[in-house]
Amino acid sequence: YVTGPFANSADMLIGSYYGVSSNLVTILEGI
């Protein structure tokens, strides 16, 4: 079971001063 507010979040991956990518892999996608 995968849960939590950032399990499927791309914003959580990138922090501040970020670029843009066509390949943001969320935790849910990785699992």
Full PDB file with SEQRES, HELIX, SHEET, SSBOND, CRYST1, ORIGX, SCALE, CONECT and MASTER records, all heavy atoms in Angstrom:
SEQRES   1 A   31  TYR VAL THR GLY PRO PHE ALA ASN SER ALA ASP MET LEU          
SEQRES   2 A   31  ILE GLY SER TYR TYR GLY VAL SER SER ASN LEU VAL THR          
SEQRES   3 A   31  ILE LEU GLU GLY ILE                                          
HELIX    1 AA1 ASP A   11  ILE A   14  1                                   4    
HELIX    2 AA2 ILE A   27  GLY A   30  1                                   4    
CRYST1    1.000    1.000    1.000  90.00  90.00  90.00 P 1           1          
ORIGX1      1.000000  0.000000  0.000000        0.00000                         
ORIGX2      0.000000  1.000000  0.000000        0.00000                         
ORIGX3      0.000000  0.000000  1.000000        0.00000                         
SCALE1      1.000000  0.000000  0.000000        0.00000                         
SCALE2      0.000000  1.000000  0.000000        0.00000                         
SCALE3      0.000000  0.000000  1.000000        0.00000                         
ATOM      1  N   TYR A   1       0.858  -1.192   0.000  1.00  0.00           N  
ATOM      2  CA  TYR A   1       0.000   0.000   0.000  1.00  0.00           C  
ATOM      3  C   TYR A   1       0.893   1.239   0.000  1.00  0.00           C  
ATOM      4  O   TYR A   1       1.736   1.417   0.881  1.00  0.00           O  
ATOM      5  CB  TYR A   1      -0.892  -0.018   1.232  1.00  0.00           C  
ATOM      6  CG  TYR A   1      -1.818   1.176   1.412  1.00  0.00           C  
ATOM      7  CD1 TYR A   1      -2.380   1.845   0.315  1.00  0.00           C  
ATOM      8  CD2 TYR A   1      -2.162   1.626   2.686  1.00  0.00           C  
ATOM      9  CE1 TYR A   1      -3.240   2.926   0.490  1.00  0.00           C  
ATOM     10  CE2 TYR A   1      -3.022   2.696   2.880  1.00  0.00           C  
ATOM     11  CZ  TYR A   1      -3.549   3.343   1.777  1.00  0.00           C  
ATOM     12  OH  TYR A   1      -4.414   4.412   1.950  1.00  0.00           O  
ATOM     13  N   VAL A   2       0.739   2.078  -0.987  1.00  0.00           N  
ATOM     14  CA  VAL A   2       1.472   3.339  -1.082  1.00  0.00           C  
ATOM     15  C   VAL A   2       0.503   4.474  -0.819  1.00  0.00           C  
ATOM     16  O   VAL A   2      -0.559   4.566  -1.457  1.00  0.00           O  
ATOM     17  CB  VAL A   2       2.123   3.507  -2.468  1.00  0.00           C  
ATOM     18  CG1 VAL A   2       2.833   4.855  -2.564  1.00  0.00           C  
ATOM     19  CG2 VAL A   2       3.104   2.368  -2.737  1.00  0.00           C  
ATOM     20  N   THR A   3       0.861   5.348   0.106  1.00  0.00           N  
ATOM     21  CA  THR A   3      -0.049   6.419   0.493  1.00  0.00           C  
ATOM     22  C   THR A   3       0.741   7.644   0.934  1.00  0.00           C  
ATOM     23  O   THR A   3       1.966   7.651   0.922  1.00  0.00           O  
ATOM     24  CB  THR A   3      -0.999   5.936   1.616  1.00  0.00           C  
ATOM     25  OG1 THR A   3      -1.997   6.926   1.866  1.00  0.00           O  
ATOM     26  CG2 THR A   3      -0.242   5.635   2.904  1.00  0.00           C  
ATOM     27  N   GLY A   4       0.028   8.678   1.304  1.00  0.00           N  
ATOM     28  CA  GLY A   4       0.669   9.913   1.745  1.00  0.00           C  
ATOM     29  C   GLY A   4       0.531  11.017   0.713  1.00  0.00           C  
ATOM     30  O   GLY A   4       0.384  10.760  -0.482  1.00  0.00           O  
ATOM     31  N   PRO A   5       0.601  12.273   1.159  1.00  0.00           N  
ATOM     32  CA  PRO A   5       0.336  13.414   0.272  1.00  0.00           C  
ATOM     33  C   PRO A   5       1.360  13.590  -0.844  1.00  0.00           C  
ATOM     34  O   PRO A   5       1.083  14.286  -1.822  1.00  0.00           O  
ATOM     35  CB  PRO A   5       0.360  14.608   1.225  1.00  0.00           C  
ATOM     36  CG  PRO A   5       1.170  14.160   2.393  1.00  0.00           C  
ATOM     37  CD  PRO A   5       0.884  12.708   2.540  1.00  0.00           C  
ATOM     38  N   PHE A   6       2.536  12.969  -0.709  1.00  0.00           N  
ATOM     39  CA  PHE A   6       3.564  13.152  -1.734  1.00  0.00           C  
ATOM     40  C   PHE A   6       3.932  11.856  -2.443  1.00  0.00           C  
ATOM     41  O   PHE A   6       4.936  11.805  -3.158  1.00  0.00           O  
ATOM     42  CB  PHE A   6       4.802  13.808  -1.125  1.00  0.00           C  
ATOM     43  CG  PHE A   6       4.526  15.189  -0.600  1.00  0.00           C  
ATOM     44  CD1 PHE A   6       4.597  15.466   0.750  1.00  0.00           C  
ATOM     45  CD2 PHE A   6       4.154  16.207  -1.468  1.00  0.00           C  
ATOM     46  CE1 PHE A   6       4.310  16.737   1.235  1.00  0.00           C  
ATOM     47  CE2 PHE A   6       3.876  17.483  -0.998  1.00  0.00           C  
ATOM     48  CZ  PHE A   6       3.950  17.750   0.357  1.00  0.00           C  
ATOM     49  N   ALA A   7       3.131  10.830  -2.261  1.00  0.00           N  
ATOM     50  CA  ALA A   7       3.426   9.551  -2.906  1.00  0.00           C  
ATOM     51  C   ALA A   7       3.393   9.668  -4.428  1.00  0.00           C  
ATOM     52  O   ALA A   7       4.138   8.985  -5.130  1.00  0.00           O  
ATOM     53  CB  ALA A   7       2.442   8.484  -2.434  1.00  0.00           C  
ATOM     54  N   ASN A   8       2.540  10.535  -4.927  1.00  0.00           N  
ATOM     55  CA  ASN A   8       2.419  10.682  -6.381  1.00  0.00           C  
ATOM     56  C   ASN A   8       2.687  12.122  -6.804  1.00  0.00           C  
ATOM     57  O   ASN A   8       2.121  12.620  -7.769  1.00  0.00           O  
ATOM     58  CB  ASN A   8       1.028  10.238  -6.850  1.00  0.00           C  
ATOM     59  CG  ASN A   8       0.989   9.958  -8.333  1.00  0.00           C  
ATOM     60  OD1 ASN A   8       1.982   9.542  -8.924  1.00  0.00           O  
ATOM     61  ND2 ASN A   8      -0.160  10.191  -8.948  1.00  0.00           N  
ATOM     62  N   SER A   9       3.592  12.779  -6.072  1.00  0.00           N  
ATOM     63  CA  SER A   9       3.857  14.200  -6.311  1.00  0.00           C  
ATOM     64  C   SER A   9       5.137  14.396  -7.107  1.00  0.00           C  
ATOM     65  O   SER A   9       6.204  13.885  -6.738  1.00  0.00           O  
ATOM     66  CB  SER A   9       3.989  14.940  -4.976  1.00  0.00           C  
ATOM     67  OG  SER A   9       4.533  16.228  -5.153  1.00  0.00           O  
ATOM     68  N   ALA A  10       5.038  15.159  -8.186  1.00  0.00           N  
ATOM     69  CA  ALA A  10       6.232  15.559  -8.925  1.00  0.00           C  
ATOM     70  C   ALA A  10       6.875  16.785  -8.288  1.00  0.00           C  
ATOM     71  O   ALA A  10       8.101  16.951  -8.329  1.00  0.00           O  
ATOM     72  CB  ALA A  10       5.880  15.844 -10.378  1.00  0.00           C  
ATOM     73  N   ASP A  11       6.066  17.658  -7.677  1.00  0.00           N  
ATOM     74  CA  ASP A  11       6.614  18.853  -7.030  1.00  0.00           C  
ATOM     75  C   ASP A  11       7.610  18.480  -5.928  1.00  0.00           C  
ATOM     76  O   ASP A  11       8.616  19.172  -5.726  1.00  0.00           O  
ATOM     77  CB  ASP A  11       5.488  19.695  -6.422  1.00  0.00           C  
ATOM     78  CG  ASP A  11       4.814  20.586  -7.453  1.00  0.00           C  
ATOM     79  OD1 ASP A  11       5.374  20.737  -8.553  1.00  0.00           O  
ATOM     80  OD2 ASP A  11       3.734  21.105  -7.162  1.00  0.00           O  
ATOM     81  N   MET A  12       7.310  17.399  -5.214  1.00  0.00           N  
ATOM     82  CA  MET A  12       8.185  16.974  -4.124  1.00  0.00           C  
ATOM     83  C   MET A  12       9.584  16.591  -4.620  1.00  0.00           C  
ATOM     84  O   MET A  12      10.565  16.664  -3.889  1.00  0.00           O  
ATOM     85  CB  MET A  12       7.537  15.796  -3.392  1.00  0.00           C  
ATOM     86  CG  MET A  12       8.390  15.159  -2.306  1.00  0.00           C  
ATOM     87  SD  MET A  12       9.492  13.894  -2.947  1.00  0.00           S  
ATOM     88  CE  MET A  12       8.332  12.669  -3.458  1.00  0.00           C  
ATOM     89  N   LEU A  13       9.695  16.213  -5.868  1.00  0.00           N  
ATOM     90  CA  LEU A  13      10.973  15.749  -6.391  1.00  0.00           C  
ATOM     91  C   LEU A  13      11.980  16.877  -6.608  1.00  0.00           C  
ATOM     92  O   LEU A  13      13.183  16.652  -6.544  1.00  0.00           O  
ATOM     93  CB  LEU A  13      10.763  15.028  -7.735  1.00  0.00           C  
ATOM     94  CG  LEU A  13       9.830  13.819  -7.755  1.00  0.00           C  
ATOM     95  CD1 LEU A  13       9.625  13.361  -9.203  1.00  0.00           C  
ATOM     96  CD2 LEU A  13      10.385  12.681  -6.912  1.00  0.00           C  
ATOM     97  N   ILE A  14      11.498  18.088  -6.879  1.00  0.00           N  
ATOM     98  CA  ILE A  14      12.362  19.057  -7.542  1.00  0.00           C  
ATOM     99  C   ILE A  14      12.947  20.156  -6.666  1.00  0.00           C  
ATOM    100  O   ILE A  14      13.892  20.821  -7.065  1.00  0.00           O  
ATOM    101  CB  ILE A  14      11.632  19.700  -8.747  1.00  0.00           C  
ATOM    102  CG1 ILE A  14      10.348  20.397  -8.311  1.00  0.00           C  
ATOM    103  CG2 ILE A  14      11.320  18.652  -9.793  1.00  0.00           C  
ATOM    104  CD1 ILE A  14       9.592  21.059  -9.463  1.00  0.00           C  
ATOM    105  N   GLY A  15      12.427  20.376  -5.454  1.00  0.00           N  
ATOM    106  CA  GLY A  15      13.000  21.408  -4.604  1.00  0.00           C  
ATOM    107  C   GLY A  15      12.927  22.785  -5.231  1.00  0.00           C  
ATOM    108  O   GLY A  15      12.083  23.065  -6.088  1.00  0.00           O  
ATOM    109  N   SER A  16      13.838  23.668  -4.815  1.00  0.00           N  
ATOM    110  CA  SER A  16      13.844  25.033  -5.333  1.00  0.00           C  
ATOM    111  C   SER A  16      14.872  25.180  -6.445  1.00  0.00           C  
ATOM    112  O   SER A  16      15.747  24.346  -6.618  1.00  0.00           O  
ATOM    113  CB  SER A  16      14.158  26.016  -4.209  1.00  0.00           C  
ATOM    114  OG  SER A  16      15.463  25.780  -3.711  1.00  0.00           O  
ATOM    115  N   TYR A  17      14.754  26.271  -7.212  1.00  0.00           N  
ATOM    116  CA  TYR A  17      15.663  26.554  -8.324  1.00  0.00           C  
ATOM    117  C   TYR A  17      15.791  25.339  -9.240  1.00  0.00           C  
ATOM    118  O   TYR A  17      16.871  24.803  -9.442  1.00  0.00           O  
ATOM    119  CB  TYR A  17      17.042  26.983  -7.797  1.00  0.00           C  
ATOM    120  CG  TYR A  17      17.076  28.414  -7.331  1.00  0.00           C  
ATOM    121  CD1 TYR A  17      16.763  28.746  -6.021  1.00  0.00           C  
ATOM    122  CD2 TYR A  17      17.406  29.443  -8.201  1.00  0.00           C  
ATOM    123  CE1 TYR A  17      16.782  30.067  -5.587  1.00  0.00           C  
ATOM    124  CE2 TYR A  17      17.434  30.764  -7.778  1.00  0.00           C  
ATOM    125  CZ  TYR A  17      17.116  31.068  -6.466  1.00  0.00           C  
ATOM    126  OH  TYR A  17      17.132  32.376  -6.046  1.00  0.00           O  
ATOM    127  N   TYR A  18      14.684  24.938  -9.805  1.00  0.00           N  
ATOM    128  CA  TYR A  18      14.614  23.696 -10.565  1.00  0.00           C  
ATOM    129  C   TYR A  18      14.466  23.941 -12.055  1.00  0.00           C  
ATOM    130  O   TYR A  18      14.059  25.002 -12.502  1.00  0.00           O  
ATOM    131  CB  TYR A  18      13.420  22.861 -10.083  1.00  0.00           C  
ATOM    132  CG  TYR A  18      12.133  23.649 -10.027  1.00  0.00           C  
ATOM    133  CD1 TYR A  18      11.329  23.811 -11.150  1.00  0.00           C  
ATOM    134  CD2 TYR A  18      11.729  24.270  -8.847  1.00  0.00           C  
ATOM    135  CE1 TYR A  18      10.164  24.555 -11.100  1.00  0.00           C  
ATOM    136  CE2 TYR A  18      10.565  25.019  -8.782  1.00  0.00           C  
ATOM    137  CZ  TYR A  18       9.791  25.158  -9.921  1.00  0.00           C  
ATOM    138  OH  TYR A  18       8.637  25.906  -9.877  1.00  0.00           O  
ATOM    139  N   GLY A  19      14.798  22.921 -12.822  1.00  0.00           N  
ATOM    140  CA  GLY A  19      14.531  22.927 -14.250  1.00  0.00           C  
ATOM    141  C   GLY A  19      13.238  22.194 -14.539  1.00  0.00           C  
ATOM    142  O   GLY A  19      12.460  21.868 -13.633  1.00  0.00           O  
ATOM    143  N   VAL A  20      12.995  21.917 -15.799  1.00  0.00           N  
ATOM    144  CA  VAL A  20      11.804  21.147 -16.178  1.00  0.00           C  
ATOM    145  C   VAL A  20      12.252  19.929 -16.969  1.00  0.00           C  
ATOM    146  O   VAL A  20      13.235  19.961 -17.713  1.00  0.00           O  
ATOM    147  CB  VAL A  20      10.796  21.988 -16.998  1.00  0.00           C  
ATOM    148  CG1 VAL A  20      10.163  23.047 -16.126  1.00  0.00           C  
ATOM    149  CG2 VAL A  20      11.468  22.640 -18.208  1.00  0.00           C  
ATOM    150  N   SER A  21      11.526  18.843 -16.765  1.00  0.00           N  
ATOM    151  CA  SER A  21      11.880  17.570 -17.382  1.00  0.00           C  
ATOM    152  C   SER A  21      10.614  16.868 -17.823  1.00  0.00           C  
ATOM    153  O   SER A  21       9.554  17.008 -17.212  1.00  0.00           O  
ATOM    154  CB  SER A  21      12.642  16.696 -16.388  1.00  0.00           C  
ATOM    155  OG  SER A  21      12.742  15.370 -16.849  1.00  0.00           O  
ATOM    156  N   SER A  22      10.753  16.083 -18.865  1.00  0.00           N  
ATOM    157  CA  SER A  22       9.620  15.281 -19.348  1.00  0.00           C  
ATOM    158  C   SER A  22       9.622  13.899 -18.718  1.00  0.00           C  
ATOM    159  O   SER A  22       8.900  13.014 -19.166  1.00  0.00           O  
ATOM    160  CB  SER A  22       9.716  15.147 -20.882  1.00  0.00           C  
ATOM    161  OG  SER A  22      10.979  14.600 -21.258  1.00  0.00           O  
ATOM    162  N   ASN A  23      10.416  13.709 -17.655  1.00  0.00           N  
ATOM    163  CA  ASN A  23      10.592  12.367 -17.112  1.00  0.00           C  
ATOM    164  C   ASN A  23      10.638  12.393 -15.592  1.00  0.00           C  
ATOM    165  O   ASN A  23      11.529  11.815 -14.979  1.00  0.00           O  
ATOM    166  CB  ASN A  23      11.883  11.753 -17.673  1.00  0.00           C  
ATOM    167  CG  ASN A  23      12.022  10.286 -17.363  1.00  0.00           C  
ATOM    168  OD1 ASN A  23      11.034   9.577 -17.274  1.00  0.00           O  
ATOM    169  ND2 ASN A  23      13.251   9.826 -17.195  1.00  0.00           N  
ATOM    170  N   LEU A  24       9.685  13.065 -14.967  1.00  0.00           N  
ATOM    171  CA  LEU A  24       9.627  13.121 -13.510  1.00  0.00           C  
ATOM    172  C   LEU A  24       8.977  11.841 -12.981  1.00  0.00           C  
ATOM    173  O   LEU A  24       7.788  11.593 -13.210  1.00  0.00           O  
ATOM    174  CB  LEU A  24       8.823  14.341 -13.059  1.00  0.00           C  
ATOM    175  CG  LEU A  24       9.448  15.705 -13.376  1.00  0.00           C  
ATOM    176  CD1 LEU A  24       8.425  16.821 -13.175  1.00  0.00           C  
ATOM    177  CD2 LEU A  24      10.665  15.948 -12.504  1.00  0.00           C  
ATOM    178  N   VAL A  25       9.752  11.039 -12.264  1.00  0.00           N  
ATOM    179  CA  VAL A  25       9.273   9.738 -11.789  1.00  0.00           C  
ATOM    180  C   VAL A  25       8.883   9.847 -10.317  1.00  0.00           C  
ATOM    181  O   VAL A  25       9.743   9.991  -9.443  1.00  0.00           O  
ATOM    182  CB  VAL A  25      10.341   8.650 -11.974  1.00  0.00           C  
ATOM    183  CG1 VAL A  25       9.781   7.288 -11.549  1.00  0.00           C  
ATOM    184  CG2 VAL A  25      10.820   8.597 -13.423  1.00  0.00           C  
ATOM    185  N   THR A  26       7.598   9.787 -10.030  1.00  0.00           N  
ATOM    186  CA  THR A  26       7.129   9.889  -8.653  1.00  0.00           C  
ATOM    187  C   THR A  26       7.419   8.596  -7.891  1.00  0.00           C  
ATOM    188  O   THR A  26       7.741   7.562  -8.474  1.00  0.00           O  
ATOM    189  CB  THR A  26       5.628  10.176  -8.600  1.00  0.00           C  
ATOM    190  OG1 THR A  26       4.918   9.027  -9.096  1.00  0.00           O  
ATOM    191  CG2 THR A  26       5.264  11.399  -9.436  1.00  0.00           C  
ATOM    192  N   ILE A  27       7.258   8.649  -6.579  1.00  0.00           N  
ATOM    193  CA  ILE A  27       7.480   7.462  -5.748  1.00  0.00           C  
ATOM    194  C   ILE A  27       6.508   6.352  -6.152  1.00  0.00           C  
ATOM    195  O   ILE A  27       6.900   5.188  -6.280  1.00  0.00           O  
ATOM    196  CB  ILE A  27       7.296   7.798  -4.248  1.00  0.00           C  
ATOM    197  CG1 ILE A  27       8.123   9.018  -3.849  1.00  0.00           C  
ATOM    198  CG2 ILE A  27       7.638   6.583  -3.394  1.00  0.00           C  
ATOM    199  CD1 ILE A  27       9.596   8.879  -3.998  1.00  0.00           C  
ATOM    200  N   LEU A  28       5.268   6.711  -6.373  1.00  0.00           N  
ATOM    201  CA  LEU A  28       4.281   5.711  -6.782  1.00  0.00           C  
ATOM    202  C   LEU A  28       4.683   5.051  -8.093  1.00  0.00           C  
ATOM    203  O   LEU A  28       4.598   3.821  -8.240  1.00  0.00           O  
ATOM    204  CB  LEU A  28       2.901   6.361  -6.918  1.00  0.00           C  
ATOM    205  CG  LEU A  28       1.772   5.446  -7.410  1.00  0.00           C  
ATOM    206  CD1 LEU A  28       1.543   4.292  -6.444  1.00  0.00           C  
ATOM    207  CD2 LEU A  28       0.484   6.250  -7.613  1.00  0.00           C  
ATOM    208  N   GLU A  29       5.143   5.847  -9.038  1.00  0.00           N  
ATOM    209  CA  GLU A  29       5.551   5.281 -10.327  1.00  0.00           C  
ATOM    210  C   GLU A  29       6.762   4.371 -10.179  1.00  0.00           C  
ATOM    211  O   GLU A  29       6.841   3.299 -10.796  1.00  0.00           O  
ATOM    212  CB  GLU A  29       5.851   6.421 -11.308  1.00  0.00           C  
ATOM    213  CG  GLU A  29       4.609   7.173 -11.753  1.00  0.00           C  
ATOM    214  CD  GLU A  29       4.928   8.423 -12.541  1.00  0.00           C  
ATOM    215  OE1 GLU A  29       5.997   9.026 -12.314  1.00  0.00           O  
ATOM    216  OE2 GLU A  29       4.102   8.801 -13.395  1.00  0.00           O  
ATOM    217  N   GLY A  30       7.716   4.784  -9.347  1.00  0.00           N  
ATOM    218  CA  GLY A  30       8.894   3.955  -9.135  1.00  0.00           C  
ATOM    219  C   GLY A  30       8.553   2.622  -8.505  1.00  0.00           C  
ATOM    220  O   GLY A  30       9.059   1.565  -8.919  1.00  0.00           O  
ATOM    221  N   ILE A  31       7.687   2.644  -7.500  1.00  0.00           N  
ATOM    222  CA  ILE A  31       7.278   1.403  -6.840  1.00  0.00           C  
ATOM    223  C   ILE A  31       6.457   0.533  -7.785  1.00  0.00           C  
ATOM    224  O   ILE A  31       6.610  -0.698  -7.823  1.00  0.00           O  
ATOM    225  CB  ILE A  31       6.496   1.724  -5.547  1.00  0.00           C  
ATOM    226  CG1 ILE A  31       7.445   2.346  -4.516  1.00  0.00           C  
ATOM    227  CG2 ILE A  31       5.820   0.481  -4.991  1.00  0.00           C  
ATOM    228  CD1 ILE A  31       6.760   2.851  -3.264  1.00  0.00           C  
TER     229      ILE A  31                                                      
MASTER        0    0    0    2    0    0    0    6  228    1    0    3          
END                                                                             
